[in-house]
PDB file of N, CA and C in Angstrom:
ATOM      1  N   MET A   1      34.684  14.862  63.417  1.00  0.00           N
ATOM      2  CA  MET A   1      35.443  14.233  65.251  1.00  0.00           C
ATOM      3  C   MET A   1      35.996  13.010  64.352  1.00  0.00           C
ATOM      4  N   TYR A   2      37.217  12.959  65.508  1.00  0.00           N
ATOM      5  CA  TYR A   2      38.302  11.694  65.361  1.00  0.00           C
ATOM      6  C   TYR A   2      37.849  10.880  66.134  1.00  0.00           C
ATOM      7  N   ARG A   3      37.674   9.980  66.122  1.00  0.00           N
ATOM      8  CA  ARG A   3      37.562   8.312  66.606  1.00  0.00           C
ATOM      9  C   ARG A   3      38.815   7.327  66.809  1.00  0.00           C
ATOM     10  N   PHE A   4      39.073   6.492  68.073  1.00  0.00           N
ATOM     11  CA  PHE A   4      39.897   5.686  67.842  1.00  0.00           C
ATOM     12  C   PHE A   4      39.597   4.880  67.452  1.00  0.00           C
ATOM     13  N   PRO A   5      40.566   3.867  65.888  1.00  0.00           N
ATOM     14  CA  PRO A   5      39.603   2.337  66.322  1.00  0.00           C
ATOM     15  C   PRO A   5      39.497   1.824  66.747  1.00  0.00           C
ATOM     16  N   ALA A   6      39.562   0.535  66.488  1.00  0.00           N
ATOM     17  CA  ALA A   6      39.197  -0.843  67.406  1.00  0.00           C
ATOM     18  C   ALA A   6      39.629  -1.691  67.835  1.00  0.00           C
ATOM     19  N   THR A   7      40.257  -1.983  68.893  1.00  0.00           N
ATOM     20  CA  THR A   7      41.082  -2.868  68.578  1.00  0.00           C
ATOM     21  C   THR A   7      41.193  -4.457  67.843  1.00  0.00           C
ATOM     22  N   LEU A   8      41.871  -5.163  68.225  1.00  0.00           N
ATOM     23  CA  LEU A   8      42.195  -6.416  66.830  1.00  0.00           C
ATOM     24  C   LEU A   8      40.750  -7.085  67.387  1.00  0.00           C
ATOM     25  N   VAL A   9      40.740  -7.333  69.513  1.00  0.00           N
ATOM     26  CA  VAL A   9      39.179  -8.186  69.797  1.00  0.00           C
ATOM     27  C   VAL A   9      38.389  -7.596  69.195  1.00  0.00           C
ATOM     28  N   THR A  10      37.694  -6.267  69.288  1.00  0.00           N
ATOM     29  CA  THR A  10      37.052  -5.865  69.417  1.00  0.00           C
ATOM     30  C   THR A  10      36.692  -6.825  67.462  1.00  0.00           C
ATOM     31  N   TRP A  11      37.395  -5.974  66.620  1.00  0.00           N
ATOM     32  CA  TRP A  11      37.600  -6.944  65.235  1.00  0.00           C
ATOM     33  C   TRP A  11      36.994  -8.098  64.926  1.00  0.00           C
ATOM     34  N   LEU A  12      37.667  -8.998  66.135  1.00  0.00           N
ATOM     35  CA  LEU A  12      36.943 -10.860  65.961  1.00  0.00           C
ATOM     36  C   LEU A  12      36.374 -10.757  66.618  1.00  0.00           C
ATOM     37  N   PHE A  13      35.219 -10.259  67.740  1.00  0.00           N
ATOM     38  CA  PHE A  13      33.934 -10.264  67.975  1.00  0.00           C
ATOM     39  C   PHE A  13      33.078  -9.672  67.273  1.00  0.00           C
ATOM     40  N   ALA A  14      33.580  -8.850  65.276  1.00  0.00           N
ATOM     41  CA  ALA A  14      32.537  -7.746  65.584  1.00  0.00           C
ATOM     42  C   ALA A  14      31.805  -8.848  64.661  1.00  0.00           C
ATOM     43  N   PRO A  15      29.657  -8.798  64.427  1.00  0.00           N
ATOM     44  CA  PRO A  15      29.782  -9.950  63.765  1.00  0.00           C
ATOM     45  C   PRO A  15      29.899  -9.543  62.248  1.00  0.00           C
ATOM     46  N   GLU A  16      29.905 -10.665  60.990  1.00  0.00           N
ATOM     47  CA  GLU A  16      30.234 -11.031  59.724  1.00  0.00           C
ATOM     48  C   GLU A  16      29.840  -9.912  58.984  1.00  0.00           C
ATOM     49  N   TRP A  17      28.466  -8.991  59.418  1.00  0.00           N
ATOM     50  CA  TRP A  17      27.947  -8.243  58.461  1.00  0.00           C
ATOM     51  C   TRP A  17      27.728  -7.631  58.959  1.00  0.00           C
ATOM     52  N   LEU A  18      28.455  -6.186  59.304  1.00  0.00           N
ATOM     53  CA  LEU A  18      27.934  -4.697  59.338  1.00  0.00           C
ATOM     54  C   LEU A  18      27.163  -3.656  59.317  1.00  0.00           C
ATOM     55  N   THR A  19      26.384  -2.819  60.117  1.00  0.00           N
ATOM     56  CA  THR A  19      25.874  -1.984  59.747  1.00  0.00           C
ATOM     57  C   THR A  19      26.689  -0.812  58.743  1.00  0.00           C
ATOM     58  N   VAL A  20      26.678   0.054  58.288  1.00  0.00           N
ATOM     59  CA  VAL A  20      27.618   1.579  58.334  1.00  0.00           C
ATOM     60  C   VAL A  20      27.976   2.355  60.059  1.00  0.00           C
ATOM     61  N   GLU A  21      27.529   1.804  60.608  1.00  0.00           N
ATOM     62  CA  GLU A  21      27.667   2.680  62.342  1.00  0.00           C
ATOM     63  C   GLU A  21      28.671   1.873  62.411  1.00  0.00           C
ATOM     64  N   GLU A  22      28.655   0.635  62.551  1.00  0.00           N
ATOM     65  CA  GLU A  22      29.084  -0.438  62.656  1.00  0.00           C
ATOM     66  C   GLU A  22      30.698  -0.456  61.991  1.00  0.00           C
ATOM     67  N   ALA A  23      30.992  -0.527  61.465  1.00  0.00           N
ATOM     68  CA  ALA A  23      32.283   0.011  60.068  1.00  0.00           C
ATOM     69  C   ALA A  23      32.600   1.172  60.535  1.00  0.00           C
ATOM     70  N   ALA A  24      32.211   2.380  60.770  1.00  0.00           N
ATOM     71  CA  ALA A  24      31.998   3.584  60.853  1.00  0.00           C
ATOM     72  C   ALA A  24      33.636   3.117  62.633  1.00  0.00           C
ATOM     73  N   GLN A  25      32.876   2.273  63.691  1.00  0.00           N
ATOM     74  CA  GLN A  25      33.080   2.552  64.499  1.00  0.00           C
ATOM     75  C   GLN A  25      34.191   1.516  64.742  1.00  0.00           C
ATOM     76  N   LEU A  26      34.466   0.703  64.142  1.00  0.00           N
ATOM     77  CA  LEU A  26      35.981  -0.272  63.738  1.00  0.00           C
ATOM     78  C   LEU A  26      36.663   0.594  63.434  1.00  0.00           C
ATOM     79  N   THR A  27      36.719   1.652  62.132  1.00  0.00           N
ATOM     80  CA  THR A  27      37.834   2.079  61.416  1.00  0.00           C
ATOM     81  C   THR A  27      38.025   2.960  62.015  1.00  0.00           C
ATOM     82  N   GLY A  28      37.815   4.010  62.544  1.00  0.00           N
ATOM     83  CA  GLY A  28      37.625   5.196  63.296  1.00  0.00           C
ATOM     84  C   GLY A  28      37.549   6.492  62.112  1.00  0.00           C
ATOM     85  N   ARG A  29      36.641   5.995  60.991  1.00  0.00           N
ATOM     86  CA  ARG A  29      36.148   7.331  60.275  1.00  0.00           C
ATOM     87  C   ARG A  29      35.253   7.395  60.267  1.00  0.00           C
ATOM     88  N   ASP A  30      34.351   8.480  60.190  1.00  0.00           N
ATOM     89  CA  ASP A  30      32.863   8.758  59.866  1.00  0.00           C
ATOM     90  C   ASP A  30      32.436   7.969  58.655  1.00  0.00           C
ATOM     91  N   PRO A  31      30.536   7.758  59.333  1.00  0.00           N
ATOM     92  CA  PRO A  31      29.667   6.696  58.630  1.00  0.00           C
ATOM     93  C   PRO A  31      29.765   7.895  56.643  1.00  0.00           C
ATOM     94  N   GLU A  32      30.250   8.467  57.069  1.00  0.00           N
ATOM     95  CA  GLU A  32      30.027   8.905  55.007  1.00  0.00           C
ATOM     96  C   GLU A  32      30.950   9.129  54.565  1.00  0.00           C
ATOM     97  N   THR A  33      32.312   8.829  55.342  1.00  0.00           N
ATOM     98  CA  THR A  33      33.282   8.346  54.318  1.00  0.00           C
ATOM     99  C   THR A  33      33.597   6.629  53.763  1.00  0.00           C
ATOM    100  N   ILE A  34      32.541   6.536  54.917  1.00  0.00           N
ATOM    101  CA  ILE A  34      32.355   4.112  55.085  1.00  0.00           C
ATOM    102  C   ILE A  34      31.168   4.408  53.325  1.00  0.00           C
ATOM    103  N   GLN A  35      29.935   5.033  53.803  1.00  0.00           N
ATOM    104  CA  GLN A  35      28.977   4.838  52.747  1.00  0.00           C
ATOM    105  C   GLN A  35      29.892   5.821  51.257  1.00  0.00           C
ATOM    106  N   GLU A  36      30.752   6.351  51.394  1.00  0.00           N
ATOM    107  CA  GLU A  36      31.604   6.574  49.909  1.00  0.00           C
ATOM    108  C   GLU A  36      32.227   5.332  49.613  1.00  0.00           C
ATOM    109  N   LEU A  37      32.614   4.755  50.372  1.00  0.00           N
ATOM    110  CA  LEU A  37      33.253   3.685  50.367  1.00  0.00           C
ATOM    111  C   LEU A  37      32.412   2.714  49.445  1.00  0.00           C
ATOM    112  N   VAL A  38      31.328   2.500  49.979  1.00  0.00           N
ATOM    113  CA  VAL A  38      30.100   1.656  49.843  1.00  0.00           C
ATOM    114  C   VAL A  38      30.107   2.589  48.112  1.00  0.00           C
ATOM    115  N   ALA A  39      29.589   3.589  47.976  1.00  0.00           N
ATOM    116  CA  ALA A  39      29.215   3.724  47.255  1.00  0.00           C
ATOM    117  C   ALA A  39      30.059   3.730  46.140  1.00  0.00           C
ATOM    118  N   ARG A  40      31.549   3.730  46.042  1.00  0.00           N
ATOM    119  CA  ARG A  40      32.475   3.806  44.793  1.00  0.00           C
ATOM    120  C   ARG A  40      33.059   2.244  44.295  1.00  0.00           C
ATOM    121  N   GLY A  41      32.341   0.965  44.934  1.00  0.00           N
ATOM    122  CA  GLY A  41      32.507  -0.019  45.485  1.00  0.00           C
ATOM    123  C   GLY A  41      33.450  -1.114  46.211  1.00  0.00           C
ATOM    124  N   CYS A  42      34.283  -0.102  46.530  1.00  0.00           N
ATOM    125  CA  CYS A  42      35.255  -0.598  47.655  1.00  0.00           C
ATOM    126  C   CYS A  42      35.022  -2.137  48.615  1.00  0.00           C
ATOM    127  N   LEU A  43      33.655  -1.703  49.107  1.00  0.00           N
ATOM    128  CA  LEU A  43      33.460  -2.833  50.320  1.00  0.00           C
ATOM    129  C   LEU A  43      32.966  -3.892  49.447  1.00  0.00           C
ATOM    130  N   ASP A  44      33.035  -5.175  49.791  1.00  0.00           N
ATOM    131  CA  ASP A  44      31.636  -6.029  49.787  1.00  0.00           C
ATOM    132  C   ASP A  44      30.387  -5.271  50.207  1.00  0.00           C
ATOM    133  N   THR A  45      29.568  -5.979  49.896  1.00  0.00           N
ATOM    134  CA  THR A  45      27.993  -5.282  50.196  1.00  0.00           C
ATOM    135  C   THR A  45      26.954  -6.103  50.231  1.00  0.00           C
ATOM    136  N   LYS A  46      25.991  -6.714  51.375  1.00  0.00           N
ATOM    137  CA  LYS A  46      24.691  -7.297  50.234  1.00  0.00           C
ATOM    138  C   LYS A  46      23.776  -6.085  51.416  1.00  0.00           C
ATOM    139  N   GLU A  47      22.431  -6.488  50.485  1.00  0.00           N
ATOM    140  CA  GLU A  47      21.369  -6.563  51.661  1.00  0.00           C
ATOM    141  C   GLU A  47      20.780  -7.439  52.029  1.00  0.00           C
ATOM    142  N   ILE A  48      20.359  -6.958  53.916  1.00  0.00           N
ATOM    143  CA  ILE A  48      19.890  -7.486  54.792  1.00  0.00           C
ATOM    144  C   ILE A  48      18.926  -6.880  56.049  1.00  0.00           C
ATOM    145  N   ALA A  49      17.825  -7.339  55.520  1.00  0.00           N
ATOM    146  CA  ALA A  49      16.199  -6.861  55.793  1.00  0.00           C
ATOM    147  C   ALA A  49      16.314  -5.904  55.457  1.00  0.00           C
ATOM    148  N   GLY A  50      16.503  -5.007  53.912  1.00  0.00           N
ATOM    149  CA  GLY A  50      16.392  -3.794  53.661  1.00  0.00           C
ATOM    150  C   GLY A  50      17.312  -2.679  54.254  1.00  0.00           C
ATOM    151  N   ALA A  51      18.816  -3.302  54.905  1.00  0.00           N
ATOM    152  CA  ALA A  51      19.425  -2.664  54.428  1.00  0.00           C
ATOM    153  C   ALA A  51      20.798  -3.043  54.192  1.00  0.00           C
ATOM    154  N   ILE A  52      21.702  -1.744  53.994  1.00  0.00           N
ATOM    155  CA  ILE A  52      22.697  -2.012  53.633  1.00  0.00           C
ATOM    156  C   ILE A  52      24.102  -2.629  54.715  1.00  0.00           C
ATOM    157  N   ARG A  53      24.731  -4.057  54.536  1.00  0.00           N
ATOM    158  CA  ARG A  53      25.338  -4.599  55.524  1.00  0.00           C
ATOM    159  C   ARG A  53      26.913  -4.372  54.556  1.00  0.00           C
ATOM    160  N   ILE A  54      28.213  -4.068  55.143  1.00  0.00           N
ATOM    161  CA  ILE A  54      28.776  -4.522  54.752  1.00  0.00           C
ATOM    162  C   ILE A  54      29.941  -5.500  55.344  1.00  0.00           C
ATOM    163  N   GLU A  55      30.486  -6.386  54.361  1.00  0.00           N
ATOM    164  CA  GLU A  55      31.144  -7.860  54.873  1.00  0.00           C
ATOM    165  C   GLU A  55      32.541  -7.542  55.469  1.00  0.00           C
ATOM    166  N   LYS A  56      33.459  -7.819  56.775  1.00  0.00           N
ATOM    167  CA  LYS A  56      34.151  -7.354  57.832  1.00  0.00           C
ATOM    168  C   LYS A  56      35.019  -7.810  57.150  1.00  0.00           C
ATOM    169  N   HIS A  57      35.462  -8.804  56.452  1.00  0.00           N
ATOM    170  CA  HIS A  57      36.682  -8.972  55.888  1.00  0.00           C
ATOM    171  C   HIS A  57      37.568  -7.835  54.906  1.00  0.00           C
ATOM    172  N   SER A  58      35.930  -7.737  53.983  1.00  0.00           N
ATOM    173  CA  SER A  58      36.406  -6.330  52.814  1.00  0.00           C
ATOM    174  C   SER A  58      36.625  -5.516  54.048  1.00  0.00           C
ATOM    175  N   LEU A  59      36.210  -5.126  54.586  1.00  0.00           N
ATOM    176  CA  LEU A  59      36.136  -3.375  54.992  1.00  0.00           C
ATOM    177  C   LEU A  59      37.829  -3.658  55.958  1.00  0.00           C
ATOM    178  N   ARG A  60      37.937  -4.948  56.284  1.00  0.00           N
ATOM    179  CA  ARG A  60      39.565  -4.487  57.261  1.00  0.00           C
ATOM    180  C   ARG A  60      40.699  -4.521  56.115  1.00  0.00           C
ATOM    181  N   GLU A  61      40.151  -4.564  54.715  1.00  0.00           N
ATOM    182  CA  GLU A  61      41.013  -5.110  53.781  1.00  0.00           C
ATOM    183  C   GLU A  61      40.755  -4.024  53.287  1.00  0.00           C
ATOM    184  N   CYS A  62      39.959  -3.144  53.530  1.00  0.00           N
ATOM    185  CA  CYS A  62      40.104  -1.633  53.128  1.00  0.00           C
ATOM    186  C   CYS A  62      40.755  -0.221  53.697  1.00  0.00           C
ATOM    187  N   HIS A  63      40.611  -0.870  54.974  1.00  0.00           N
ATOM    188  CA  HIS A  63      41.363  -0.377  55.828  1.00  0.00           C
ATOM    189  C   HIS A  63      42.682  -0.307  55.784  1.00  0.00           C
ATOM    190  N   GLU A  64      43.182  -1.382  55.634  1.00  0.00           N
ATOM    191  CA  GLU A  64      44.586  -1.545  55.910  1.00  0.00           C
ATOM    192  C   GLU A  64      45.380  -0.830  54.308  1.00  0.00           C
ATOM    193  N   THR A  65      44.676  -1.338  53.684  1.00  0.00           N
ATOM    194  CA  THR A  65      44.969  -0.523  52.179  1.00  0.00           C
ATOM    195  C   THR A  65      44.783   1.008  52.488  1.00  0.00           C
ATOM    196  N   LEU A  66      43.731   1.754  52.855  1.00  0.00           N
ATOM    197  CA  LEU A  66      44.162   3.436  53.074  1.00  0.00           C
ATOM    198  C   LEU A  66      44.744   3.723  54.051  1.00  0.00           C
ATOM    199  N   PHE A  67      45.314   2.891  55.204  1.00  0.00           N
ATOM    200  CA  PHE A  67      46.237   3.559  55.751  1.00  0.00           C
ATOM    201  C   PHE A  67      47.704   3.234  55.448  1.00  0.00           C
ATOM    202  N   GLU A  68      48.061   1.820  54.453  1.00  0.00           N
ATOM    203  CA  GLU A  68      49.212   2.030  53.695  1.00  0.00           C
ATOM    204  C   GLU A  68      49.595   2.787  52.741  1.00  0.00           C
ATOM    205  N   VAL A  69      48.352   3.931  52.598  1.00  0.00           N
ATOM    206  CA  VAL A  69      48.423   4.886  51.062  1.00  0.00           C
ATOM    207  C   VAL A  69      48.362   6.150  52.225  1.00  0.00           C
ATOM    208  N   ALA A  70      47.552   6.625  52.899  1.00  0.00           N
ATOM    209  CA  ALA A  70      47.454   7.569  53.408  1.00  0.00           C
ATOM    210  C   ALA A  70      46.917   7.450  55.120  1.00  0.00           C
ATOM    211  N   PRO A  71      48.169   6.702  55.170  1.00  0.00           N
ATOM    212  CA  PRO A  71      47.730   7.536  57.502  1.00  0.00           C
ATOM    213  C   PRO A  71      47.372   7.840  57.707  1.00  0.00           C
ATOM    214  N   ASN A  72      47.707   9.347  57.834  1.00  0.00           N
ATOM    215  CA  ASN A  72      46.688  10.404  58.324  1.00  0.00           C
ATOM    216  C   ASN A  72      45.512  10.774  57.696  1.00  0.00           C
ATOM    217  N   VAL A  73      44.776  10.090  56.647  1.00  0.00           N
ATOM    218  CA  VAL A  73      43.471  10.898  55.981  1.00  0.00           C
ATOM    219  C   VAL A  73      42.326   9.986  56.933  1.00  0.00           C
TER     220      VAL A  73
END
């Protein structure tokens, strides 16, 4: 299922540390894709309250890079 990525305003007001689901919503990608990026070390993460959180800035950089390299993926 394809989801449209969030607007710049949504990115601005998103928390600095995101859940996998929040990261998926912001990028328009599936949670499985986000989890794969985490597993490959493409995103900066830390554990908060027993759950993995993704740094918003690293997600944005990764998302922009992926769009430049493979815009149709």
